C-alpha cells in the first residue's frame, strides 16, 4: 500500500485535512508507518493535481483546508479495494540483493553476513513478540474500537515476516555449504599446480 492509496481510502469516509489524515493513517497502520507533515501535503498536492481529490471550502476562514474525493477518486478507491496486490513484480529486497552480491564478490565472508543478519532479524522478532505479549494498546483505541485489532494484525504481519526471513537465512546457509565445497574442490588442482611450480623452481627447498 502506498500513502496515496491510504489517503484515498481514508477520504472515502468523508473530508479531512492533512493533520487528520496523518493521525488516522498512522493509527490504522499500527504506528509502524510514521509520516511527516511535508509528505502528507506533497501527497495531497499530487492527488489534487491528478483530479482524485478537491478542496472543501469551509465557512471558517481560519480552519485548515480539508479535502474530499472526486468522482474519479471514488472510482480509484473502488478499483483498489477490488484488485489484489500484485506479486509478479516484487519490490527490491535489499537483503536478497546484498547476499547475492556477497556470494559473487571475492573476499566477502558470506557466512558472517548471514550471521549478522540473523542476529538482527531475531532481535526484531523478539521486539515484536514482546509488544504482542505486553498487550500494548494504541491511544486511538478510545476513538476507534477496532484499534486493538489493527495493532494486533500489523504486529502479526511483522512477526510472520521476520520468521520467514529467519527460515530463508537458514536456507541460504544450507546452500552455502555445498557451494563452498564445490569451490574448494575446483580450486584444489590449481593449488596443486602452483605448489608443483614452486617446488620445481631453481633453489626451491626440497
Protein backbone atom coordinates (compact mmCIF):
# COMPACT_ATOMS: atom_id res chain seq x y z
CA UNK A 1 0.00 0.00 0.00
CA UNK A 2 1.23 3.49 -0.81
CA UNK A 3 0.48 6.65 1.18
CA UNK A 4 -1.51 7.81 -1.85
CA UNK A 5 -3.85 4.81 -1.70
CA UNK A 6 -4.13 5.06 2.07
CA UNK A 7 -5.24 8.68 1.87
CA UNK A 8 -7.84 7.91 -0.78
CA UNK A 9 -9.23 5.12 1.41
CA UNK A 10 -9.42 7.44 4.43
CA UNK A 11 -11.09 10.19 2.41
CA UNK A 12 -13.78 7.73 1.35
CA UNK A 13 -15.14 8.21 4.90
CA UNK A 14 -15.51 11.96 4.37
CA UNK A 15 -13.48 15.17 4.04
CA UNK A 16 -10.33 15.53 6.14
CA UNK A 17 -7.42 17.92 6.48
CA UNK A 18 -3.78 16.97 6.40
CA UNK A 19 -3.20 16.54 10.12
CA UNK A 20 -6.29 14.33 10.41
CA UNK A 21 -5.07 12.16 7.56
CA UNK A 22 -1.64 11.78 9.11
CA UNK A 23 -3.06 10.82 12.51
CA UNK A 24 -5.55 8.33 11.06
CA UNK A 25 -3.02 6.82 8.67
CA UNK A 26 -0.51 6.22 11.48
CA UNK A 27 -3.21 4.83 13.79
CA UNK A 28 -4.56 2.43 11.18
CA UNK A 29 -1.10 1.19 10.27
CA UNK A 30 -0.47 0.38 13.93
CA UNK A 31 2.04 3.19 14.27
CA UNK A 32 4.55 1.32 12.08
CA UNK A 33 4.42 3.82 9.21
CA UNK A 34 5.04 7.33 10.56
CA UNK A 35 4.58 10.28 8.21
CA UNK A 36 5.93 13.79 8.31
CA UNK A 37 3.55 16.59 7.50
CA UNK A 38 5.56 17.60 4.44
CA UNK A 39 4.99 14.16 2.94
CA UNK A 40 1.30 14.45 3.72
CA UNK A 41 0.80 17.70 1.85
CA UNK A 42 3.02 16.62 -1.04
CA UNK A 43 0.80 13.57 -1.49
CA UNK A 44 -2.36 15.69 -1.24
CA UNK A 45 -0.99 18.06 -3.86
CA UNK A 46 -0.39 15.19 -6.28
CA UNK A 47 -3.84 13.73 -5.65
CA UNK A 48 -5.40 17.11 -6.35
CA UNK A 49 -3.28 17.50 -9.49
CA UNK A 50 -4.50 14.10 -10.72
CA UNK A 51 -8.13 15.08 -10.16
CA UNK A 52 -8.74 12.48 -7.44
CA UNK A 53 -9.45 14.95 -4.61
CA UNK A 54 -10.62 18.55 -4.37
CA UNK A 55 -10.51 21.16 -1.59
CA UNK A 56 -13.61 21.67 0.54
CA UNK A 57 -14.33 25.32 1.30
CA UNK A 58 -15.28 25.75 4.96
CA UNK A 59 -17.15 28.72 6.35
CA UNK A 60 -14.48 29.42 8.99
CA UNK A 61 -11.55 31.14 7.23
CA UNK A 62 -9.05 30.06 9.88
CA UNK A 63 -9.97 26.36 9.58
CA UNK A 64 -7.35 24.12 7.95
CA UNK A 65 -8.15 23.20 4.37
CA UNK A 66 -9.97 19.92 4.02
CA UNK A 67 -10.08 17.63 1.00
CA UNK A 68 -12.77 15.33 -0.37
CA UNK A 69 -12.81 12.63 -3.03
CA UNK A 70 -13.91 13.49 -6.52
CA UNK A 71 -15.88 11.00 -8.64
CA UNK A 72 -12.58 9.89 -10.15
CA UNK A 73 -11.16 9.44 -6.64
CA UNK A 74 -14.09 7.25 -5.56
CA UNK A 75 -13.59 5.14 -8.69
CA UNK A 76 -9.90 4.82 -7.86
CA UNK A 77 -10.65 3.63 -4.32
CA UNK A 78 -13.19 1.06 -5.50
CA UNK A 79 -10.71 -0.24 -8.05
CA UNK A 80 -8.05 -0.59 -5.36
CA UNK A 81 -10.35 -2.50 -2.98
CA UNK A 82 -11.38 -4.87 -5.77
CA UNK A 83 -7.85 -5.54 -7.08
CA UNK A 84 -5.42 -7.99 -5.44
CA UNK A 85 -1.92 -6.86 -4.54
CA UNK A 86 0.33 -7.87 -7.43
CA UNK A 87 3.03 -10.42 -6.68
CA UNK A 88 4.55 -10.59 -10.17
CA UNK A 89 6.85 -7.60 -9.72
CA UNK A 90 8.20 -7.75 -6.14
CA UNK A 91 9.76 -4.71 -4.58
CA UNK A 92 13.54 -4.62 -4.43
CA UNK A 93 14.69 -6.63 -1.44
CA UNK A 94 17.85 -5.06 -0.05
CA UNK A 95 18.79 -8.18 1.92
CA UNK A 96 18.41 -10.54 -1.06
CA UNK A 97 20.46 -8.20 -3.24
CA UNK A 98 23.12 -7.81 -0.53
CA UNK A 99 23.54 -11.58 -0.18
CA UNK A 100 23.58 -12.08 -3.95
CA UNK A 101 26.41 -9.57 -4.22
CA UNK A 102 28.23 -11.08 -1.23
CA UNK A 103 28.16 -14.55 -2.80
CA UNK A 104 29.67 -13.25 -6.03
CA UNK A 105 32.24 -10.86 -4.54
CA UNK A 106 35.67 -12.33 -3.72
CA UNK A 107 36.87 -11.82 -0.19
CA UNK A 108 33.45 -11.37 1.41
CA UNK A 109 32.68 -13.68 4.34
CA UNK A 110 29.12 -14.59 3.35
CA UNK A 111 28.54 -16.64 6.49
CA UNK A 112 29.41 -13.62 8.61
CA UNK A 113 26.92 -11.54 6.62
CA UNK A 114 24.24 -14.19 7.18
CA UNK A 115 25.03 -14.47 10.90
CA UNK A 116 24.86 -10.70 11.38
CA UNK A 117 21.51 -10.52 9.61
CA UNK A 118 20.14 -13.45 11.57
CA UNK A 119 21.03 -11.70 14.84
CA UNK A 120 19.30 -8.50 13.68
CA UNK A 121 16.19 -10.34 12.43
CA UNK A 122 15.99 -12.28 15.70
CA UNK A 123 16.22 -9.01 17.64
CA UNK A 124 13.32 -7.59 15.63
CA UNK A 125 11.29 -10.76 16.11
CA UNK A 126 11.83 -10.61 19.86
CA UNK A 127 10.75 -6.96 19.92
CA UNK A 128 7.54 -7.71 18.00
CA UNK A 129 6.77 -10.70 20.21
CA UNK A 130 7.38 -8.62 23.35
CA UNK A 131 4.96 -5.97 22.10
CA UNK A 132 2.27 -8.59 21.47
CA UNK A 133 2.69 -10.11 24.92
CA UNK A 134 2.66 -6.74 26.64
CA UNK A 135 -0.87 -6.12 25.42
CA UNK A 136 0.11 -2.60 24.37
CA UNK A 137 -2.85 -0.54 23.22
CA UNK A 138 -2.82 2.39 20.89
CA UNK A 139 -4.09 5.78 22.00
CA UNK A 140 -6.60 5.63 19.16
CA UNK A 141 -8.48 2.85 20.96
CA UNK A 142 -10.52 5.46 22.79
CA UNK A 143 -11.84 6.75 19.46
CA UNK A 144 -11.76 3.59 17.36
CA UNK A 145 -12.91 0.26 18.84
CA UNK A 146 -11.00 -1.56 16.09
CA UNK A 147 -7.65 -0.02 17.07
CA UNK A 148 -6.65 -3.07 19.13
CA UNK A 149 -7.37 -5.37 16.21
CA UNK A 150 -5.40 -3.16 13.82
CA UNK A 151 -2.40 -3.14 16.16
CA UNK A 152 -2.50 -6.93 16.54
CA UNK A 153 -2.81 -7.52 12.80
CA UNK A 154 0.11 -5.27 11.99
CA UNK A 155 2.27 -6.95 14.63
CA UNK A 156 1.24 -10.38 13.32
CA UNK A 157 2.39 -9.37 9.83
CA UNK A 158 5.76 -8.22 11.20
CA UNK A 159 6.20 -11.42 13.21
CA UNK A 160 5.35 -13.67 10.24
CA UNK A 161 7.70 -11.69 8.01
CA UNK A 162 10.58 -11.94 10.50
CA UNK A 163 10.02 -15.68 10.92
CA UNK A 164 10.01 -16.17 7.15
CA UNK A 165 13.26 -14.21 6.90
CA UNK A 166 14.84 -16.43 9.56
CA UNK A 167 13.81 -19.53 7.58
CA UNK A 168 15.20 -18.03 4.40
CA UNK A 169 18.53 -17.25 6.09
CA UNK A 170 18.70 -20.88 7.27
CA UNK A 171 18.06 -21.92 3.66
CA UNK A 172 20.81 -19.61 2.42
CA UNK A 173 23.25 -21.09 4.92
CA UNK A 174 22.37 -24.64 3.86
CA UNK A 175 23.03 -23.69 0.24
CA UNK A 176 26.39 -22.16 1.09
CA UNK A 177 27.89 -25.43 2.39
CA UNK A 178 27.86 -27.41 -0.90
CA UNK A 179 28.80 -24.28 -2.84
CA UNK A 180 31.84 -23.85 -0.61
CA UNK A 181 32.83 -27.50 -1.10
CA UNK A 182 32.46 -27.15 -4.86
CA UNK A 183 34.66 -24.04 -4.93
CA UNK A 184 37.23 -25.79 -2.74
CA UNK A 185 37.25 -28.87 -4.98
CA UNK A 186 37.56 -26.74 -8.11
CA UNK A 187 40.48 -24.77 -6.69
CA UNK A 188 42.36 -27.85 -5.41
CA UNK A 189 44.00 -28.70 -8.77
CA UNK A 190 45.05 -25.07 -9.19
CA UNK A 191 46.67 -25.07 -5.76
CA UNK A 192 48.43 -28.35 -6.53
CA UNK A 193 49.72 -26.94 -9.81
CA UNK A 194 51.02 -23.82 -8.09
CA UNK A 195 52.74 -25.98 -5.45
CA UNK A 196 54.43 -28.09 -8.17
CA UNK A 197 55.53 -24.98 -9.99
CA UNK A 198 57.06 -23.51 -6.84
CA UNK A 199 58.82 -26.74 -5.94
CA UNK A 200 60.36 -27.03 -9.44
CA UNK A 201 61.94 -23.58 -9.37
CA UNK A 202 65.73 -23.41 -9.03
CA UNK A 203 66.73 -23.03 -5.42
CA UNK A 204 63.36 -24.26 -4.11
CA UNK A 205 63.70 -26.16 -0.84
CA UNK A 206 63.18 -29.88 -1.09
